[in-house]
Amino acid sequence: MSKFTQMLEGIEASNDFDANACALQYICNMLEGGGAKSLTKADAAELKRFAISEMRRLIAAIPEAENYKSKYSMFCCENWTVGIFTLANGGTDNVTEEEVDVINQLITLVRCEQVLENAIDDMFKLEKIDRADVEEVLKIVKPIKDLFRRSLLYSGLHEYAEDMKKFTPEAKSALAGFVAAEFRAMLKKDALSEDELTSLEYASDVCKYFADGEIYDLLEEILKIKNQTVRFYALQTLLSAKRDVPASVIREMAEDLSYAELTYCELAKHGRLSLYPDEYSSDEYLAKSEMVHWLVYPTELNKQPDEIELVGKVAKKKTEYYIFKYKSDSDNLGDELKGKWLIGWSSREGGTFSNFDLLSDFEKKTVEKTLKNIAKKLL
């Protein structure tokens, strides 16, 4: 048994390709970070066997996936399995014809599936992007019914944000017309699905690069949707265009600890802090908001904490930190941590973090001594 055996067996036994992709990425990053150089022959052989086995599984599973979101997770696994095989092989020519065939089958299958992603990539390879080039991509998008797959247009545009300068005015106009129609269709609905909200979030963010007057008007309507993530990106785009935003929306976002600090900073960036309510502008509140925003990341709690309280402030290396304790029943926590007071910290100069440390492991007889202990051992 090698040091990888348990992890590899766990991946092979799981059909959760999202989780598998994360585990595969971890292994690949570990190998890229120098781990490949210290592999024994047995470890390298096991990793190569595993990678080829997983590739075969993906070749069988991708065509049978129920939707494109499931396929997308498998595409991520394809990337990491090929990476693991390459790193474990150590750049040698020790590859069998059978292994080459499996690798080529998988790469070809994924490329044939990723028609939209490939079209976006090809468009951005051009030195200048004109209306006809955009319309070629939109021809692919328009018939797509799978909402997750449609949203890949916006995530693809975001990925190439620095190259949006390649777009001619006519190309931007074509995109703006398509996005405006998408916005109008979603605004007519009484309720939006999770995939529709994700699509709206991405589109509200990336449209800043080609927005026109109609887009900005529609974004003002989008601000009425009670989803703070969508609202935040719509707000960013409107502020960058110097458009008016309702004080009532700003207040609601300031009341939400997940978005208060982000909203405050965005308003400050555009010289619009007069819109932000004073009662939510204290350093303590904004630090708590930054802490909560950190914790809602999928890699952290993936939700707001059930309780969060300030323990106190400490200064270290000329930086003032707000130390918080919080409780959560998040599935990302082990049973020994659920419902227990955990430690996190935030500073207005940056440096927000939590490693799910138990407060009880650092508590002393007084709050002051507890804070000093936390500062000494964690900050």
Protein backbone atom coordinates (compact mmCIF):
# COMPACT_ATOMS: atom_id res chain seq x y z
CA MET A 1 0.00 0.00 0.00
CA SER A 2 1.37 3.44 -0.96
CA LYS A 3 0.64 6.82 0.60
CA PHE A 4 -1.89 7.43 -2.19
CA THR A 5 -3.83 4.18 -1.90
CA GLN A 6 -6.54 5.29 0.51
CA MET A 7 -7.26 8.53 -1.35
CA LEU A 8 -7.31 6.80 -4.74
CA GLU A 9 -9.64 4.08 -3.48
CA GLY A 10 -11.97 6.76 -2.15
CA ILE A 11 -12.13 8.46 -5.55
CA GLU A 12 -12.68 5.16 -7.37
CA ALA A 13 -15.56 4.30 -5.03
CA SER A 14 -17.30 7.68 -5.49
CA ASN A 15 -19.65 8.87 -8.22
CA ASP A 16 -19.57 12.44 -6.89
CA PHE A 17 -17.48 13.91 -9.69
CA ASP A 18 -17.46 17.38 -8.11
CA ALA A 19 -15.77 15.98 -5.02
CA ASN A 20 -13.57 13.73 -7.14
CA ALA A 21 -12.38 16.73 -9.16
CA CYS A 22 -11.30 18.49 -5.95
CA ALA A 23 -9.43 15.40 -4.75
CA LEU A 24 -7.78 14.91 -8.13
CA GLN A 25 -6.73 18.56 -8.20
CA TYR A 26 -5.18 18.15 -4.76
CA ILE A 27 -3.12 15.16 -5.93
CA CYS A 28 -2.08 16.95 -9.11
CA ASN A 29 -1.05 20.10 -7.22
CA MET A 30 0.93 17.99 -4.76
CA LEU A 31 2.79 16.32 -7.63
CA GLU A 32 3.39 19.65 -9.37
CA GLY A 33 4.75 21.09 -6.13
CA GLY A 34 7.70 18.71 -6.19
CA GLY A 35 6.01 15.52 -5.07
CA ALA A 36 6.48 13.89 -8.46
CA LYS A 37 10.27 13.96 -8.04
CA SER A 38 10.11 11.85 -4.89
CA LEU A 39 7.72 9.20 -6.21
CA THR A 40 8.82 5.62 -5.84
CA LYS A 41 8.40 3.37 -8.86
CA ALA A 42 5.52 1.66 -7.06
CA ASP A 43 3.77 4.99 -6.35
CA ALA A 44 4.22 6.16 -9.94
CA ALA A 45 2.87 2.88 -11.29
CA GLU A 46 -0.15 3.04 -8.98
CA LEU A 47 -0.93 6.63 -9.97
CA LYS A 48 -0.66 5.81 -13.67
CA ARG A 49 -2.88 2.74 -13.28
CA PHE A 50 -5.42 4.80 -11.35
CA ALA A 51 -5.40 7.65 -13.90
CA ILE A 52 -6.02 5.32 -16.85
CA SER A 53 -8.77 3.52 -14.91
CA GLU A 54 -10.47 6.84 -14.14
CA MET A 55 -10.15 7.93 -17.77
CA ARG A 56 -11.95 4.77 -18.86
CA ARG A 57 -14.68 5.48 -16.33
CA LEU A 58 -15.07 9.03 -17.67
CA ILE A 59 -15.23 7.79 -21.26
CA ALA A 60 -18.19 5.62 -20.27
CA ALA A 61 -19.86 8.16 -17.96
CA ILE A 62 -19.73 11.40 -19.95
CA PRO A 63 -22.15 10.35 -22.73
CA GLU A 64 -24.59 9.03 -20.10
CA ALA A 65 -24.62 12.14 -17.87
CA GLU A 66 -28.10 13.51 -17.17
CA ASN A 67 -27.18 17.15 -17.83
CA TYR A 68 -24.31 19.41 -18.82
CA LYS A 69 -23.53 20.42 -15.25
CA SER A 70 -22.74 16.77 -14.50
CA LYS A 71 -20.61 16.57 -17.64
CA TYR A 72 -18.77 19.74 -16.65
CA SER A 73 -17.66 18.11 -13.39
CA MET A 74 -16.39 15.17 -15.40
CA PHE A 75 -14.51 17.52 -17.74
CA CYS A 76 -12.68 18.86 -14.68
CA CYS A 77 -11.81 15.28 -13.71
CA GLU A 78 -10.48 14.70 -17.24
CA ASN A 79 -8.09 17.62 -16.87
CA TRP A 80 -6.71 16.40 -13.53
CA THR A 81 -6.48 12.70 -14.44
CA VAL A 82 -4.45 13.52 -17.54
CA GLY A 83 -2.30 15.78 -15.38
CA ILE A 84 -1.72 13.05 -12.79
CA PHE A 85 -0.76 10.53 -15.46
CA THR A 86 1.67 12.98 -17.07
CA LEU A 87 3.32 13.91 -13.77
CA ALA A 88 3.53 10.32 -12.55
CA ASN A 89 5.08 9.32 -15.86
CA GLY A 90 7.83 11.85 -15.22
CA GLY A 91 8.17 13.00 -18.81
CA THR A 92 9.51 9.62 -19.94
CA ASP A 93 8.49 7.65 -23.03
CA ASN A 94 7.25 4.80 -20.87
CA VAL A 95 3.69 4.89 -22.22
CA THR A 96 1.95 1.92 -23.84
CA GLU A 97 -0.12 2.15 -27.02
CA GLU A 98 -3.17 1.19 -24.97
CA GLU A 99 -2.58 4.10 -22.56
CA VAL A 100 -2.10 6.53 -25.44
CA ASP A 101 -5.36 5.31 -26.98
CA VAL A 102 -7.31 5.84 -23.73
CA ILE A 103 -5.89 9.33 -23.25
CA ASN A 104 -6.68 10.32 -26.85
CA GLN A 105 -10.21 8.88 -26.61
CA LEU A 106 -10.96 10.95 -23.52
CA ILE A 107 -9.44 14.18 -24.82
CA THR A 108 -11.31 13.82 -28.13
CA LEU A 109 -14.59 13.03 -26.37
CA VAL A 110 -14.33 16.09 -24.11
CA ARG A 111 -13.40 18.39 -26.98
CA CYS A 112 -16.37 17.17 -29.02
CA GLU A 113 -18.68 17.87 -26.07
CA GLN A 114 -17.29 21.36 -25.37
CA VAL A 115 -18.59 22.96 -28.56
CA LEU A 116 -19.47 26.28 -26.93
CA GLU A 117 -16.30 26.52 -24.86
CA ASN A 118 -14.19 25.75 -27.94
CA ALA A 119 -16.00 28.40 -29.99
CA ILE A 120 -15.35 31.02 -27.31
CA ASP A 121 -11.69 30.03 -27.13
CA ASP A 122 -11.37 30.21 -30.92
CA MET A 123 -13.06 33.63 -31.03
CA PHE A 124 -10.62 35.11 -28.56
CA LYS A 125 -7.66 33.81 -30.57
CA LEU A 126 -8.55 36.38 -33.24
CA GLU A 127 -6.66 39.66 -33.31
CA LYS A 128 -9.92 41.56 -33.81
CA ILE A 129 -13.41 40.33 -32.96
CA ASP A 130 -16.18 41.63 -35.19
CA ARG A 131 -19.95 41.24 -35.20
CA ALA A 132 -19.83 38.16 -37.44
CA ASP A 133 -17.45 36.42 -35.01
CA VAL A 134 -19.82 37.06 -32.08
CA GLU A 135 -22.80 35.90 -34.11
CA GLU A 136 -21.05 32.59 -34.85
CA VAL A 137 -20.80 31.96 -31.09
CA LEU A 138 -24.39 33.11 -30.50
CA LYS A 139 -25.59 30.63 -33.15
CA ILE A 140 -24.30 27.90 -30.85
CA VAL A 141 -25.76 29.44 -27.69
CA LYS A 142 -29.28 30.25 -28.84
CA PRO A 143 -30.52 26.65 -29.40
CA ILE A 144 -29.07 25.45 -26.08
CA LYS A 145 -31.85 24.67 -23.56
CA ASP A 146 -29.59 23.52 -20.71
CA LEU A 147 -29.38 26.63 -18.51
CA PHE A 148 -26.04 25.72 -16.99
CA ARG A 149 -24.52 25.23 -20.42
CA ARG A 150 -25.91 28.58 -21.66
CA SER A 151 -24.30 30.33 -18.69
CA LEU A 152 -20.88 29.15 -19.90
CA LEU A 153 -21.05 31.98 -22.44
CA TYR A 154 -20.77 34.48 -19.58
CA SER A 155 -18.14 32.59 -17.61
CA GLY A 156 -16.16 32.26 -20.84
CA LEU A 157 -16.39 36.00 -21.50
CA HIS A 158 -15.30 36.66 -17.93
CA GLU A 159 -12.29 34.38 -18.36
CA TYR A 160 -11.19 36.50 -21.33
CA ALA A 161 -12.10 39.84 -19.75
CA GLU A 162 -8.69 41.34 -20.49
CA ASP A 163 -9.18 40.59 -24.19
CA MET A 164 -12.59 42.26 -24.45
CA LYS A 165 -10.77 45.23 -25.98
CA LYS A 166 -10.56 43.15 -29.16
CA PHE A 167 -14.31 43.62 -29.69
CA THR A 168 -15.38 46.16 -32.29
CA PRO A 169 -18.36 48.41 -31.39
CA GLU A 170 -20.52 46.26 -33.69
CA ALA A 171 -19.41 43.10 -31.87
CA LYS A 172 -20.27 44.66 -28.50
CA SER A 173 -23.65 45.69 -29.86
CA ALA A 174 -24.41 42.12 -30.93
CA LEU A 175 -23.56 40.82 -27.46
CA ALA A 176 -25.54 43.58 -25.76
CA GLY A 177 -28.62 42.75 -27.84
CA PHE A 178 -28.42 39.07 -26.92
CA VAL A 179 -27.88 39.75 -23.20
CA ALA A 180 -30.70 42.31 -23.10
CA ALA A 181 -33.08 39.68 -24.52
CA GLU A 182 -31.85 37.18 -21.89
CA PHE A 183 -32.40 39.73 -19.12
CA ARG A 184 -35.90 40.58 -20.31
CA ALA A 185 -36.89 36.91 -20.46
CA MET A 186 -35.68 36.26 -16.90
CA LEU A 187 -37.28 39.41 -15.50
CA LYS A 188 -40.67 38.21 -16.74
CA LYS A 189 -40.50 35.09 -14.56
CA ASP A 190 -42.08 34.91 -11.11
CA ALA A 191 -39.21 32.81 -9.78
CA LEU A 192 -35.79 31.85 -11.07
CA SER A 193 -34.07 28.51 -10.75
CA GLU A 194 -30.60 28.16 -9.25
CA ASP A 195 -29.07 27.85 -12.73
CA GLU A 196 -30.96 30.94 -13.93
CA LEU A 197 -29.71 32.94 -10.95
CA THR A 198 -26.15 31.78 -11.65
CA SER A 199 -26.51 32.80 -15.28
CA LEU A 200 -27.92 36.18 -14.24
CA GLU A 201 -25.06 36.66 -11.79
CA TYR A 202 -22.38 35.98 -14.42
CA ALA A 203 -24.13 38.09 -17.06
CA SER A 204 -24.65 41.04 -14.68
CA ASP A 205 -20.93 40.97 -13.96
CA VAL A 206 -19.44 40.54 -17.44
CA CYS A 207 -21.85 42.86 -19.29
CA LYS A 208 -19.91 45.87 -17.98
CA TYR A 209 -17.55 45.33 -20.94
CA PHE A 210 -20.21 45.85 -23.60
CA ALA A 211 -23.25 47.34 -21.86
CA ASP A 212 -25.45 49.99 -23.49
CA GLY A 213 -28.31 52.11 -22.17
CA GLU A 214 -30.84 49.29 -22.40
CA ILE A 215 -28.57 46.93 -20.45
CA TYR A 216 -28.15 49.51 -17.67
CA ASP A 217 -31.93 50.04 -17.49
CA LEU A 218 -32.46 46.31 -17.19
CA LEU A 219 -29.79 46.04 -14.48
CA GLU A 220 -31.76 48.57 -12.45
CA GLU A 221 -34.70 46.18 -12.70
CA ILE A 222 -32.46 43.26 -11.76
CA LEU A 223 -31.59 45.05 -8.51
CA LYS A 224 -35.18 44.35 -7.42
CA ILE A 225 -34.51 40.60 -7.43
CA LYS A 226 -33.97 39.45 -3.83
CA ASN A 227 -30.70 37.68 -4.44
CA GLN A 228 -27.70 39.44 -3.00
CA THR A 229 -25.08 37.84 -5.26
CA VAL A 230 -26.94 38.88 -8.41
CA ARG A 231 -27.58 42.32 -6.89
CA PHE A 232 -23.93 42.84 -6.04
CA TYR A 233 -22.70 42.25 -9.59
CA ALA A 234 -25.50 44.38 -11.04
CA LEU A 235 -24.56 47.08 -8.52
CA GLN A 236 -20.88 46.91 -9.53
CA THR A 237 -21.72 47.38 -13.19
CA LEU A 238 -24.15 50.25 -12.52
CA LEU A 239 -21.70 52.06 -10.26
CA SER A 240 -18.92 51.74 -12.84
CA ALA A 241 -21.27 53.42 -15.33
CA LYS A 242 -22.11 56.18 -12.81
CA ARG A 243 -25.77 55.20 -12.82
CA ASP A 244 -28.07 55.89 -9.89
CA VAL A 245 -28.74 53.01 -7.51
CA PRO A 246 -31.62 52.91 -5.00
CA ALA A 247 -30.67 53.68 -1.38
CA SER A 248 -33.19 51.00 -0.32
CA VAL A 249 -31.15 48.30 -2.10
CA ILE A 250 -27.92 49.57 -0.53
CA ARG A 251 -29.55 49.39 2.90
CA GLU A 252 -30.68 45.81 2.37
CA MET A 253 -27.18 44.80 1.27
CA ALA A 254 -25.66 46.61 4.25
CA GLU A 255 -27.97 44.65 6.56
CA ASP A 256 -26.68 41.38 5.08
CA LEU A 257 -23.41 40.41 6.76
CA SER A 258 -22.36 38.39 3.71
CA TYR A 259 -22.33 41.50 1.52
CA ALA A 260 -22.10 44.57 3.76
CA GLU A 261 -18.33 44.99 3.59
CA LEU A 262 -18.18 44.30 -0.15
CA THR A 263 -20.92 46.86 -0.76
CA TYR A 264 -19.16 49.42 1.44
CA CYS A 265 -15.88 48.98 -0.46
CA GLU A 266 -17.57 49.16 -3.85
CA LEU A 267 -19.32 52.41 -2.93
CA ALA A 268 -16.06 53.83 -1.55
CA LYS A 269 -14.29 52.89 -4.80
CA HIS A 270 -16.77 54.98 -6.79
CA GLY A 271 -17.07 57.88 -4.33
CA ARG A 272 -20.66 56.99 -3.42
CA LEU A 273 -20.32 56.25 0.32
CA SER A 274 -23.03 58.78 1.08
CA LEU A 275 -25.48 56.04 0.03
CA TYR A 276 -24.23 53.64 2.70
CA PRO A 277 -26.16 53.76 6.02
CA ASP A 278 -24.02 55.05 8.91
CA GLU A 279 -25.31 52.47 11.39
CA TYR A 280 -23.62 49.68 9.42
CA SER A 281 -20.29 51.41 8.85
CA SER A 282 -18.38 50.74 12.08
CA ASP A 283 -15.05 48.95 11.74
CA GLU A 284 -16.34 46.13 13.93
CA TYR A 285 -19.43 45.55 11.79
CA LEU A 286 -17.44 45.66 8.55
CA ALA A 287 -14.83 43.27 9.97
CA LYS A 288 -17.61 40.89 11.01
CA SER A 289 -19.08 41.17 7.52
CA GLU A 290 -15.71 40.31 5.96
CA MET A 291 -15.45 37.32 8.33
CA VAL A 292 -18.91 36.08 7.36
CA HIS A 293 -18.22 36.55 3.65
CA TRP A 294 -15.09 34.43 4.06
CA LEU A 295 -17.04 31.71 5.87
CA VAL A 296 -19.77 31.41 3.23
CA TYR A 297 -17.23 30.28 0.60
CA PRO A 298 -17.88 26.69 -0.54
CA THR A 299 -14.42 25.69 0.71
CA GLU A 300 -15.19 27.06 4.18
CA LEU A 301 -18.61 26.68 5.87
CA ASN A 302 -20.51 27.14 2.60
CA LYS A 303 -23.12 29.08 4.58
CA GLN A 304 -23.40 31.87 7.13
CA PRO A 305 -22.48 30.84 10.69
CA ASP A 306 -25.45 30.15 12.96
CA GLU A 307 -23.95 32.49 15.57
CA ILE A 308 -21.05 34.92 15.47
CA GLU A 309 -19.80 37.22 18.23
CA LEU A 310 -16.83 39.50 18.74
CA VAL A 311 -14.35 38.19 21.32
CA GLY A 312 -12.22 41.32 21.17
CA LYS A 313 -9.47 43.20 19.35
CA VAL A 314 -5.74 42.58 19.31
CA ALA A 315 -2.86 44.38 17.64
CA LYS A 316 0.04 42.55 16.03
CA LYS A 317 2.74 43.97 13.77
CA LYS A 318 0.90 47.31 13.64
CA THR A 319 -2.28 45.60 12.40
CA GLU A 320 -5.50 45.56 14.38
CA TYR A 321 -7.40 42.27 14.29
CA TYR A 322 -10.98 41.61 15.27
CA ILE A 323 -11.24 38.14 16.79
CA PHE A 324 -14.61 36.42 16.38
CA LYS A 325 -16.13 33.24 17.72
CA TYR A 326 -18.78 31.48 15.71
CA LYS A 327 -20.87 28.31 15.65
CA SER A 328 -22.14 26.31 12.70
CA ASP A 329 -23.70 22.98 11.77
CA SER A 330 -22.07 23.09 8.32
CA ASP A 331 -21.53 19.75 6.59
CA ASN A 332 -17.97 20.94 5.96
CA LEU A 333 -17.25 20.54 9.68
CA GLY A 334 -16.50 17.30 11.46
CA ASP A 335 -18.85 16.17 14.22
CA GLU A 336 -16.29 17.29 16.82
CA LEU A 337 -16.58 20.90 15.55
CA LYS A 338 -20.29 21.22 14.81
CA GLY A 339 -22.10 23.47 17.28
CA LYS A 340 -18.85 24.41 19.04
CA TRP A 341 -17.34 27.89 19.32
CA LEU A 342 -14.68 28.25 16.62
CA ILE A 343 -12.19 31.08 16.06
CA GLY A 344 -11.86 33.45 13.11
CA TRP A 345 -10.28 36.85 12.65
CA SER A 346 -10.44 39.81 10.34
CA SER A 347 -8.65 43.11 9.90
CA ARG A 348 -9.72 46.12 7.87
CA GLU A 349 -6.29 45.95 6.20
CA GLY A 350 -6.98 42.41 4.98
CA GLY A 351 -5.98 39.08 6.49
CA THR A 352 -9.38 37.52 7.15
CA PHE A 353 -9.05 33.83 7.97
CA SER A 354 -10.30 30.88 9.98
CA ASN A 355 -8.90 27.39 10.27
CA PHE A 356 -11.87 26.10 12.30
CA ASP A 357 -9.80 26.18 15.51
CA LEU A 358 -11.75 25.46 18.68
CA LEU A 359 -11.99 28.47 20.98
CA SER A 360 -11.75 26.10 23.96
CA ASP A 361 -8.20 25.16 22.91
CA PHE A 362 -7.06 28.75 23.42
CA GLU A 363 -9.24 29.99 26.27
CA LYS A 364 -7.64 31.37 29.42
CA LYS A 365 -9.12 32.69 32.64
CA THR A 366 -9.77 36.15 31.21
CA VAL A 367 -10.79 37.47 27.79
CA GLU A 368 -7.60 39.55 27.65
CA LYS A 369 -5.40 36.50 28.22
CA THR A 370 -7.43 34.50 25.69
CA LEU A 371 -6.89 37.19 23.06
CA LYS A 372 -3.16 37.31 23.77
CA ASN A 373 -2.95 33.53 23.47
CA ILE A 374 -4.81 33.57 20.14
CA ALA A 375 -2.56 36.37 18.85
CA LYS A 376 0.58 34.51 19.89
CA LYS A 377 -0.39 31.13 18.45
CA LEU A 378 -2.57 31.92 15.45
CA LEU A 379 -1.80 35.38 14.09
